[in-house]
Amino acid sequence: MLNRDLLRTEALAALRAAGPLPRAGSYGRLGAIYDLLDSLLSDGVHLEAMRGPWRVDVAAPPRRRARNRVSVECGHARITVESEQRGRELAGFLNWCEVVEGDLIPAAVAASRSSRRSGGLLVGTTLGHD
């Protein structure tokens, strides 16, 4: 049987370990999160069907030949992922675990950063993959 609370705790620890990044577009480390996603997917959990506040955003690349920028968002929290598929899985996983923005970004930090935007991405609140 899946223990949602334990998976939520592991997910939050892995996301916090990835840490906020100094500039938008940088990538952190999400290997531990992807391991959790793969485990749930292999157990038959349909992550993409999970609904909640986390959603996938696909932004056009800043340069012509660059790839689309894919992120998973909830309020001021933004996690950059390598593909739209991984984004849908991660959004479903975070919704399934009932992770909220405040779990990743303290309310005071989110409020102070709400007006500081760079190219549509919030500076310092982006997490990413390897």
N, C-alpha and C. Protein backbone atom coordinates (compact mmCIF):
# COMPACT_ATOMS: atom_id res chain seq x y z
N MET A 1 0.85 -1.19 0.00
CA MET A 1 0.00 0.00 0.00
C MET A 1 0.89 1.25 0.00
N LEU A 2 0.48 2.23 -0.77
CA LEU A 2 1.24 3.48 -0.87
C LEU A 2 0.98 4.37 0.34
N ASN A 3 2.03 4.92 0.89
CA ASN A 3 1.92 5.82 2.02
C ASN A 3 2.11 7.25 1.51
N ARG A 4 0.99 7.92 1.27
CA ARG A 4 1.02 9.27 0.70
C ARG A 4 1.79 10.25 1.57
N ASP A 5 1.61 10.17 2.88
CA ASP A 5 2.32 11.09 3.79
C ASP A 5 3.83 10.90 3.72
N LEU A 6 4.27 9.66 3.66
CA LEU A 6 5.70 9.38 3.56
C LEU A 6 6.25 9.88 2.22
N LEU A 7 5.52 9.64 1.13
CA LEU A 7 5.96 10.12 -0.18
C LEU A 7 5.98 11.64 -0.22
N ARG A 8 5.01 12.27 0.42
CA ARG A 8 4.97 13.74 0.48
C ARG A 8 6.21 14.26 1.20
N THR A 9 6.55 13.64 2.32
CA THR A 9 7.73 14.04 3.08
C THR A 9 9.00 13.88 2.25
N GLU A 10 9.11 12.75 1.55
CA GLU A 10 10.28 12.51 0.70
C GLU A 10 10.34 13.51 -0.45
N ALA A 11 9.19 13.81 -1.03
CA ALA A 11 9.15 14.77 -2.14
C ALA A 11 9.58 16.16 -1.69
N LEU A 12 9.07 16.60 -0.55
CA LEU A 12 9.43 17.93 -0.05
C LEU A 12 10.92 18.00 0.27
N ALA A 13 11.46 16.94 0.85
CA ALA A 13 12.90 16.91 1.15
C ALA A 13 13.71 17.00 -0.14
N ALA A 14 13.30 16.26 -1.16
CA ALA A 14 14.03 16.27 -2.44
C ALA A 14 13.93 17.63 -3.13
N LEU A 15 12.75 18.25 -3.09
CA LEU A 15 12.59 19.56 -3.72
C LEU A 15 13.37 20.63 -2.98
N ARG A 16 13.38 20.56 -1.67
CA ARG A 16 14.16 21.53 -0.89
C ARG A 16 15.65 21.34 -1.12
N ALA A 17 16.07 20.09 -1.29
CA ALA A 17 17.48 19.81 -1.55
C ALA A 17 17.90 20.36 -2.91
N ALA A 18 16.96 20.42 -3.87
CA ALA A 18 17.27 21.00 -5.18
C ALA A 18 17.56 22.49 -5.02
N GLY A 19 16.90 23.11 -4.04
CA GLY A 19 17.19 24.50 -3.67
C GLY A 19 16.74 25.53 -4.68
N PRO A 20 16.49 26.76 -4.18
CA PRO A 20 16.19 27.86 -5.09
C PRO A 20 17.43 28.21 -5.89
N LEU A 21 17.22 28.60 -7.10
CA LEU A 21 18.35 28.91 -7.97
C LEU A 21 18.49 30.41 -8.15
N PRO A 22 19.70 30.88 -8.39
CA PRO A 22 19.93 32.31 -8.47
C PRO A 22 19.35 32.99 -9.70
N ARG A 23 19.13 32.25 -10.77
CA ARG A 23 18.59 32.91 -11.97
C ARG A 23 17.61 31.98 -12.68
N ALA A 24 16.64 32.59 -13.33
CA ALA A 24 15.66 31.82 -14.08
C ALA A 24 16.35 31.07 -15.21
N GLY A 25 15.88 29.88 -15.50
CA GLY A 25 16.45 29.09 -16.58
C GLY A 25 17.56 28.16 -16.13
N SER A 26 18.04 28.32 -14.90
CA SER A 26 19.05 27.41 -14.37
C SER A 26 18.37 26.11 -13.98
N TYR A 27 19.15 25.05 -13.90
CA TYR A 27 18.59 23.77 -13.52
C TYR A 27 19.22 23.27 -12.24
N GLY A 28 18.43 22.71 -11.37
CA GLY A 28 18.91 22.10 -10.14
C GLY A 28 18.92 20.59 -10.32
N ARG A 29 18.69 19.88 -9.26
CA ARG A 29 18.72 18.42 -9.30
C ARG A 29 17.37 17.85 -8.88
N LEU A 30 16.73 17.12 -9.78
CA LEU A 30 15.44 16.50 -9.47
C LEU A 30 15.48 14.99 -9.60
N GLY A 31 16.66 14.39 -9.59
CA GLY A 31 16.78 12.95 -9.75
C GLY A 31 15.98 12.17 -8.72
N ALA A 32 15.98 12.62 -7.46
CA ALA A 32 15.24 11.92 -6.40
C ALA A 32 13.73 12.00 -6.65
N ILE A 33 13.28 13.14 -7.14
CA ILE A 33 11.85 13.30 -7.46
C ILE A 33 11.48 12.37 -8.60
N TYR A 34 12.32 12.31 -9.63
CA TYR A 34 12.03 11.43 -10.77
C TYR A 34 12.01 9.97 -10.34
N ASP A 35 12.83 9.59 -9.37
CA ASP A 35 12.80 8.22 -8.85
C ASP A 35 11.45 7.93 -8.19
N LEU A 36 10.94 8.91 -7.41
CA LEU A 36 9.62 8.75 -6.79
C LEU A 36 8.52 8.65 -7.85
N LEU A 37 8.60 9.51 -8.86
CA LEU A 37 7.61 9.48 -9.94
C LEU A 37 7.62 8.13 -10.64
N ASP A 38 8.79 7.65 -10.99
CA ASP A 38 8.91 6.38 -11.70
C ASP A 38 8.37 5.22 -10.86
N SER A 39 8.62 5.27 -9.55
CA SER A 39 8.12 4.23 -8.66
C SER A 39 6.59 4.20 -8.65
N LEU A 40 5.98 5.38 -8.54
CA LEU A 40 4.52 5.46 -8.54
C LEU A 40 3.93 5.04 -9.88
N LEU A 41 4.57 5.47 -10.95
CA LEU A 41 4.09 5.09 -12.28
C LEU A 41 4.15 3.58 -12.48
N SER A 42 5.23 2.96 -12.00
CA SER A 42 5.35 1.51 -12.13
C SER A 42 4.35 0.77 -11.25
N ASP A 43 3.87 1.43 -10.17
CA ASP A 43 2.84 0.85 -9.31
C ASP A 43 1.43 1.08 -9.87
N GLY A 44 1.34 1.74 -11.02
CA GLY A 44 0.05 1.93 -11.67
C GLY A 44 -0.70 3.19 -11.28
N VAL A 45 -0.05 4.11 -10.58
CA VAL A 45 -0.71 5.37 -10.22
C VAL A 45 -0.73 6.26 -11.46
N HIS A 46 -1.90 6.75 -11.82
CA HIS A 46 -2.06 7.61 -13.00
C HIS A 46 -1.88 9.07 -12.59
N LEU A 47 -0.64 9.49 -12.51
CA LEU A 47 -0.31 10.82 -12.00
C LEU A 47 -0.91 11.94 -12.84
N GLU A 48 -0.94 11.76 -14.14
CA GLU A 48 -1.44 12.83 -15.01
C GLU A 48 -2.92 13.11 -14.79
N ALA A 49 -3.65 12.18 -14.18
CA ALA A 49 -5.08 12.36 -13.94
C ALA A 49 -5.36 13.13 -12.65
N MET A 50 -4.33 13.36 -11.84
CA MET A 50 -4.52 14.03 -10.55
C MET A 50 -4.74 15.53 -10.77
N ARG A 51 -5.75 16.07 -10.13
CA ARG A 51 -6.07 17.49 -10.27
C ARG A 51 -5.70 18.23 -9.00
N GLY A 52 -5.40 19.50 -9.14
CA GLY A 52 -5.04 20.34 -8.00
C GLY A 52 -4.43 21.64 -8.47
N PRO A 53 -3.75 22.35 -7.56
CA PRO A 53 -3.22 23.67 -7.90
C PRO A 53 -1.98 23.67 -8.79
N TRP A 54 -1.26 22.54 -8.87
CA TRP A 54 -0.05 22.50 -9.69
C TRP A 54 -0.44 22.29 -11.14
N ARG A 55 0.19 23.07 -12.03
CA ARG A 55 -0.10 22.98 -13.47
C ARG A 55 1.19 23.09 -14.26
N VAL A 56 1.12 22.66 -15.50
CA VAL A 56 2.28 22.70 -16.39
C VAL A 56 2.20 23.97 -17.23
N ASP A 57 3.32 24.64 -17.39
CA ASP A 57 3.42 25.82 -18.24
C ASP A 57 4.53 25.57 -19.26
N VAL A 58 4.21 25.78 -20.53
CA VAL A 58 5.21 25.64 -21.59
C VAL A 58 5.41 27.01 -22.21
N ALA A 59 6.62 27.54 -22.09
CA ALA A 59 6.93 28.86 -22.63
C ALA A 59 7.78 28.71 -23.88
N ALA A 60 7.55 29.60 -24.82
CA ALA A 60 8.36 29.60 -26.04
C ALA A 60 9.81 29.90 -25.69
N PRO A 61 10.72 29.30 -26.42
CA PRO A 61 12.14 29.55 -26.13
C PRO A 61 12.53 30.98 -26.47
N PRO A 62 13.55 31.51 -25.77
CA PRO A 62 13.98 32.87 -26.04
C PRO A 62 14.71 33.00 -27.38
N ARG A 63 15.27 31.90 -27.86
CA ARG A 63 15.96 31.90 -29.15
C ARG A 63 15.24 30.96 -30.10
N ARG A 64 15.43 31.17 -31.34
CA ARG A 64 14.73 30.43 -32.38
C ARG A 64 14.94 28.92 -32.30
N ARG A 65 16.17 28.48 -32.11
CA ARG A 65 16.46 27.04 -32.15
C ARG A 65 16.47 26.39 -30.77
N ALA A 66 16.21 27.14 -29.75
CA ALA A 66 16.20 26.58 -28.40
C ALA A 66 14.92 25.77 -28.17
N ARG A 67 14.97 24.92 -27.16
CA ARG A 67 13.79 24.11 -26.80
C ARG A 67 12.82 24.94 -25.97
N ASN A 68 11.55 24.51 -25.97
CA ASN A 68 10.57 25.15 -25.11
C ASN A 68 10.99 25.00 -23.65
N ARG A 69 10.65 26.00 -22.85
CA ARG A 69 10.91 25.94 -21.42
C ARG A 69 9.65 25.39 -20.75
N VAL A 70 9.79 24.28 -20.06
CA VAL A 70 8.66 23.63 -19.42
C VAL A 70 8.83 23.74 -17.91
N SER A 71 7.77 24.17 -17.25
CA SER A 71 7.82 24.25 -15.78
C SER A 71 6.50 23.81 -15.19
N VAL A 72 6.55 23.46 -13.92
CA VAL A 72 5.38 23.10 -13.14
C VAL A 72 5.22 24.22 -12.12
N GLU A 73 4.01 24.78 -12.04
CA GLU A 73 3.79 25.98 -11.23
C GLU A 73 2.63 25.84 -10.27
N CYS A 74 2.78 26.55 -9.15
CA CYS A 74 1.70 26.72 -8.17
C CYS A 74 1.99 28.05 -7.48
N GLY A 75 1.18 29.05 -7.76
CA GLY A 75 1.44 30.37 -7.19
C GLY A 75 2.79 30.90 -7.62
N HIS A 76 3.66 31.21 -6.66
CA HIS A 76 4.99 31.72 -6.96
C HIS A 76 6.04 30.63 -7.08
N ALA A 77 5.66 29.40 -6.82
CA ALA A 77 6.61 28.29 -6.93
C ALA A 77 6.66 27.80 -8.38
N ARG A 78 7.86 27.64 -8.89
CA ARG A 78 8.04 27.17 -10.26
C ARG A 78 9.18 26.17 -10.28
N ILE A 79 8.92 24.99 -10.83
CA ILE A 79 9.92 23.93 -10.93
C ILE A 79 10.14 23.65 -12.41
N THR A 80 11.34 23.86 -12.89
CA THR A 80 11.67 23.64 -14.29
C THR A 80 11.99 22.17 -14.51
N VAL A 81 11.39 21.60 -15.54
CA VAL A 81 11.59 20.19 -15.88
C VAL A 81 12.04 20.08 -17.34
N GLU A 82 12.53 18.90 -17.72
CA GLU A 82 13.10 18.77 -19.06
C GLU A 82 12.09 18.50 -20.16
N SER A 83 10.87 18.07 -19.82
CA SER A 83 9.90 17.78 -20.88
C SER A 83 8.48 18.03 -20.39
N GLU A 84 7.58 18.18 -21.34
CA GLU A 84 6.18 18.39 -21.01
C GLU A 84 5.61 17.14 -20.32
N GLN A 85 6.03 15.96 -20.76
CA GLN A 85 5.58 14.71 -20.15
C GLN A 85 5.98 14.66 -18.66
N ARG A 86 7.26 14.96 -18.38
CA ARG A 86 7.72 14.98 -16.99
C ARG A 86 6.97 16.05 -16.20
N GLY A 87 6.66 17.16 -16.84
CA GLY A 87 5.90 18.22 -16.18
C GLY A 87 4.52 17.75 -15.77
N ARG A 88 3.82 17.04 -16.67
CA ARG A 88 2.48 16.53 -16.33
C ARG A 88 2.56 15.51 -15.19
N GLU A 89 3.59 14.67 -15.23
CA GLU A 89 3.76 13.68 -14.16
C GLU A 89 4.07 14.36 -12.83
N LEU A 90 4.97 15.33 -12.85
CA LEU A 90 5.34 16.02 -11.62
C LEU A 90 4.16 16.81 -11.05
N ALA A 91 3.42 17.51 -11.91
CA ALA A 91 2.24 18.26 -11.45
C ALA A 91 1.24 17.31 -10.80
N GLY A 92 0.98 16.18 -11.44
CA GLY A 92 0.07 15.19 -10.87
C GLY A 92 0.56 14.65 -9.55
N PHE A 93 1.87 14.38 -9.46
CA PHE A 93 2.47 13.87 -8.24
C PHE A 93 2.32 14.89 -7.10
N LEU A 94 2.63 16.15 -7.37
CA LEU A 94 2.53 17.19 -6.33
C LEU A 94 1.07 17.39 -5.91
N ASN A 95 0.15 17.29 -6.86
CA ASN A 95 -1.27 17.38 -6.52
C ASN A 95 -1.71 16.16 -5.71
N TRP A 96 -1.24 14.97 -6.09
CA TRP A 96 -1.58 13.73 -5.38
C TRP A 96 -1.07 13.78 -3.95
N CYS A 97 0.14 14.33 -3.76
CA CYS A 97 0.74 14.45 -2.42
C CYS A 97 0.20 15.64 -1.64
N GLU A 98 -0.62 16.46 -2.28
CA GLU A 98 -1.20 17.65 -1.67
C GLU A 98 -0.15 18.64 -1.21
N VAL A 99 0.90 18.80 -2.02
CA VAL A 99 1.93 19.80 -1.76
C VAL A 99 1.37 21.15 -2.18
N VAL A 100 1.56 22.16 -1.35
CA VAL A 100 1.10 23.51 -1.67
C VAL A 100 2.31 24.44 -1.78
N GLU A 101 2.09 25.59 -2.37
CA GLU A 101 3.16 26.57 -2.58
C GLU A 101 3.92 26.86 -1.29
N GLY A 102 3.21 27.05 -0.19
CA GLY A 102 3.83 27.38 1.08
C GLY A 102 4.76 26.31 1.62
N ASP A 103 4.61 25.07 1.14
CA ASP A 103 5.52 24.01 1.55
C ASP A 103 6.92 24.23 0.98
N LEU A 104 7.00 24.93 -0.14
CA LEU A 104 8.28 25.16 -0.81
C LEU A 104 8.79 26.58 -0.65
N ILE A 105 7.87 27.54 -0.57
CA ILE A 105 8.25 28.95 -0.46
C ILE A 105 7.50 29.55 0.71
N PRO A 106 8.18 29.96 1.77
CA PRO A 106 7.50 30.60 2.89
C PRO A 106 6.69 31.81 2.42
N ALA A 107 5.56 32.05 3.04
CA ALA A 107 4.65 33.13 2.62
C ALA A 107 5.35 34.48 2.55
N ALA A 108 6.21 34.80 3.50
CA ALA A 108 6.90 36.09 3.50
C ALA A 108 7.81 36.24 2.29
N VAL A 109 8.47 35.16 1.91
CA VAL A 109 9.35 35.20 0.74
C VAL A 109 8.54 35.37 -0.53
N ALA A 110 7.44 34.63 -0.64
CA ALA A 110 6.60 34.72 -1.83
C ALA A 110 6.04 36.13 -1.99
N ALA A 111 5.59 36.72 -0.89
CA ALA A 111 5.02 38.07 -0.95
C ALA A 111 6.07 39.09 -1.37
N SER A 112 7.29 38.97 -0.86
CA SER A 112 8.33 39.94 -1.20
C SER A 112 8.80 39.80 -2.64
N ARG A 113 8.64 38.62 -3.22
CA ARG A 113 9.09 38.40 -4.59
C ARG A 113 8.01 38.58 -5.63
N SER A 114 6.78 38.80 -5.19
CA SER A 114 5.67 38.85 -6.13
C SER A 114 5.82 39.94 -7.18
N SER A 115 6.54 41.00 -6.86
CA SER A 115 6.70 42.08 -7.83
C SER A 115 8.01 42.00 -8.60
N ARG A 116 8.92 41.09 -8.21
CA ARG A 116 10.20 40.98 -8.89
C ARG A 116 10.14 39.86 -9.92
N ARG A 117 9.95 40.21 -11.17
CA ARG A 117 9.87 39.21 -12.23
C ARG A 117 10.95 39.48 -13.26
N SER A 118 11.41 38.41 -13.88
CA SER A 118 12.42 38.52 -14.93
C SER A 118 12.02 37.63 -16.08
N GLY A 119 11.59 38.21 -17.18
CA GLY A 119 11.19 37.42 -18.33
C GLY A 119 10.04 36.48 -18.04
N GLY A 120 9.14 36.84 -17.12
CA GLY A 120 8.02 36.00 -16.78
C GLY A 120 8.34 34.93 -15.75
N LEU A 121 9.61 34.81 -15.36
CA LEU A 121 9.99 33.82 -14.36
C LEU A 121 10.34 34.54 -13.07
N LEU A 122 9.92 34.00 -11.95
CA LEU A 122 10.28 34.60 -10.68
C LEU A 122 11.71 34.23 -10.34
N VAL A 123 12.52 35.21 -10.09
CA VAL A 123 13.92 35.00 -9.76
C VAL A 123 14.01 34.41 -8.36
N GLY A 124 14.81 33.34 -8.23
CA GLY A 124 15.06 32.75 -6.93
C GLY A 124 14.04 31.73 -6.48
N THR A 125 12.98 31.50 -7.26
CA THR A 125 11.99 30.50 -6.86
C THR A 125 11.91 29.37 -7.87
N THR A 126 12.87 29.31 -8.76
CA THR A 126 12.87 28.28 -9.77
C THR A 126 13.70 27.10 -9.33
N LEU A 127 13.14 25.92 -9.47
CA LEU A 127 13.88 24.69 -9.22
C LEU A 127 13.97 23.96 -10.55
N GLY A 128 14.94 23.09 -10.71
CA GLY A 128 15.04 22.43 -12.00
C GLY A 128 15.61 21.05 -11.94
N HIS A 129 15.95 20.51 -13.10
CA HIS A 129 16.47 19.15 -13.21
C HIS A 129 17.96 19.19 -13.48
N ASP A 130 18.61 17.99 -13.49
CA ASP A 130 20.05 17.89 -13.73
C ASP A 130 20.45 18.52 -15.04
